[in-house]
């Protein structure tokens, strides 16, 4: 997983491993996926992508 230290600088050091995200235009949300199993894990309600998670094409 990615490191988030030092606390309070609002930056992530490195990429989040074994995760990807895809945009769903029907719901207008970004959805996070586990790269190993392909299962959907989480979605964001504000419409912005997850930080540090690679995007699928």
C-alpha atoms as a PDB file:
ATOM      1  CA  UNK A   1       0.000   0.000   0.000  1.00  0.00           C
ATOM      2  CA  UNK A   2       0.978   3.618  -0.361  1.00  0.00           C
ATOM      3  CA  UNK A   3       2.539   5.602   2.440  1.00  0.00           C
ATOM      4  CA  UNK A   4       0.897   8.823   3.552  1.00  0.00           C
ATOM      5  CA  UNK A   5       3.599  10.278   5.830  1.00  0.00           C
ATOM      6  CA  UNK A   6       4.213  13.044   6.728  1.00  0.00           C
ATOM      7  CA  UNK A   7       0.711  13.608   8.039  1.00  0.00           C
ATOM      8  CA  UNK A   8      -0.993  16.846   7.037  1.00  0.00           C
ATOM      9  CA  UNK A   9       0.680  17.591   3.697  1.00  0.00           C
ATOM     10  CA  UNK A  10      -2.257  16.096   1.698  1.00  0.00           C
ATOM     11  CA  UNK A  11       0.096  14.043  -0.511  1.00  0.00           C
ATOM     12  CA  UNK A  12       0.568  10.332  -1.094  1.00  0.00           C
ATOM     13  CA  UNK A  13       4.044   8.898  -1.567  1.00  0.00           C
ATOM     14  CA  UNK A  14       3.837   6.229  -4.254  1.00  0.00           C
ATOM     15  CA  UNK A  15       0.975   4.541  -6.030  1.00  0.00           C
ATOM     16  CA  UNK A  16      -1.742   2.380  -4.483  1.00  0.00           C
ATOM     17  CA  UNK A  17      -0.927  -1.229  -5.431  1.00  0.00           C
ATOM     18  CA  UNK A  18      -3.380  -3.859  -6.695  1.00  0.00           C
ATOM     19  CA  UNK A  19      -6.144  -1.310  -7.275  1.00  0.00           C
ATOM     20  CA  UNK A  20      -7.624   0.396 -10.319  1.00  0.00           C
ATOM     21  CA  UNK A  21     -10.511   2.757 -10.921  1.00  0.00           C
ATOM     22  CA  UNK A  22     -13.038   3.189 -13.682  1.00  0.00           C
ATOM     23  CA  UNK A  23     -15.558   5.969 -14.369  1.00  0.00           C
ATOM     24  CA  UNK A  24     -19.252   5.092 -14.579  1.00  0.00           C
ATOM     25  CA  UNK A  25     -21.029   7.776 -16.656  1.00  0.00           C
ATOM     26  CA  UNK A  26     -24.510   6.513 -15.727  1.00  0.00           C
ATOM     27  CA  UNK A  27     -24.022   7.162 -12.022  1.00  0.00           C
ATOM     28  CA  UNK A  28     -21.376   9.911 -12.504  1.00  0.00           C
ATOM     29  CA  UNK A  29     -19.086   8.160  -9.994  1.00  0.00           C
ATOM     30  CA  UNK A  30     -15.557   6.707  -9.921  1.00  0.00           C
ATOM     31  CA  UNK A  31     -15.491   3.055  -8.820  1.00  0.00           C
ATOM     32  CA  UNK A  32     -12.440   1.387  -7.262  1.00  0.00           C
ATOM     33  CA  UNK A  33     -11.665  -2.228  -8.223  1.00  0.00           C
ATOM     34  CA  UNK A  34      -9.405  -4.950  -6.882  1.00  0.00           C
ATOM     35  CA  UNK A  35      -7.010  -5.865  -9.715  1.00  0.00           C
ATOM     36  CA  UNK A  36      -6.546  -9.471  -8.573  1.00  0.00           C
ATOM     37  CA  UNK A  37     -10.190 -10.544  -8.175  1.00  0.00           C
ATOM     38  CA  UNK A  38     -11.906  -7.899 -10.348  1.00  0.00           C
ATOM     39  CA  UNK A  39     -14.467  -7.172  -7.640  1.00  0.00           C
ATOM     40  CA  UNK A  40     -15.728  -3.634  -7.149  1.00  0.00           C
ATOM     41  CA  UNK A  41     -14.697  -2.250  -3.773  1.00  0.00           C
ATOM     42  CA  UNK A  42     -15.796   1.342  -3.332  1.00  0.00           C
ATOM     43  CA  UNK A  43     -17.244   4.342  -5.153  1.00  0.00           C
ATOM     44  CA  UNK A  44     -16.877   8.084  -4.684  1.00  0.00           C
ATOM     45  CA  UNK A  45     -19.971  10.218  -4.473  1.00  0.00           C
ATOM     46  CA  UNK A  46     -18.390  13.610  -5.191  1.00  0.00           C
ATOM     47  CA  UNK A  47     -17.443  12.809  -8.807  1.00  0.00           C
ATOM     48  CA  UNK A  48     -13.662  13.214  -8.413  1.00  0.00           C
ATOM     49  CA  UNK A  49     -11.260  10.307  -8.988  1.00  0.00           C
ATOM     50  CA  UNK A  50      -9.433   8.491  -6.186  1.00  0.00           C
ATOM     51  CA  UNK A  51      -5.963   9.829  -5.395  1.00  0.00           C
ATOM     52  CA  UNK A  52      -3.035   7.600  -6.347  1.00  0.00           C
ATOM     53  CA  UNK A  53      -5.140   4.855  -7.964  1.00  0.00           C
ATOM     54  CA  UNK A  54      -4.477   4.072 -11.637  1.00  0.00           C
ATOM     55  CA  UNK A  55      -7.273   4.531 -14.151  1.00  0.00           C
ATOM     56  CA  UNK A  56      -8.493   1.786 -16.487  1.00  0.00           C
ATOM     57  CA  UNK A  57      -9.028   2.484 -20.160  1.00  0.00           C
END
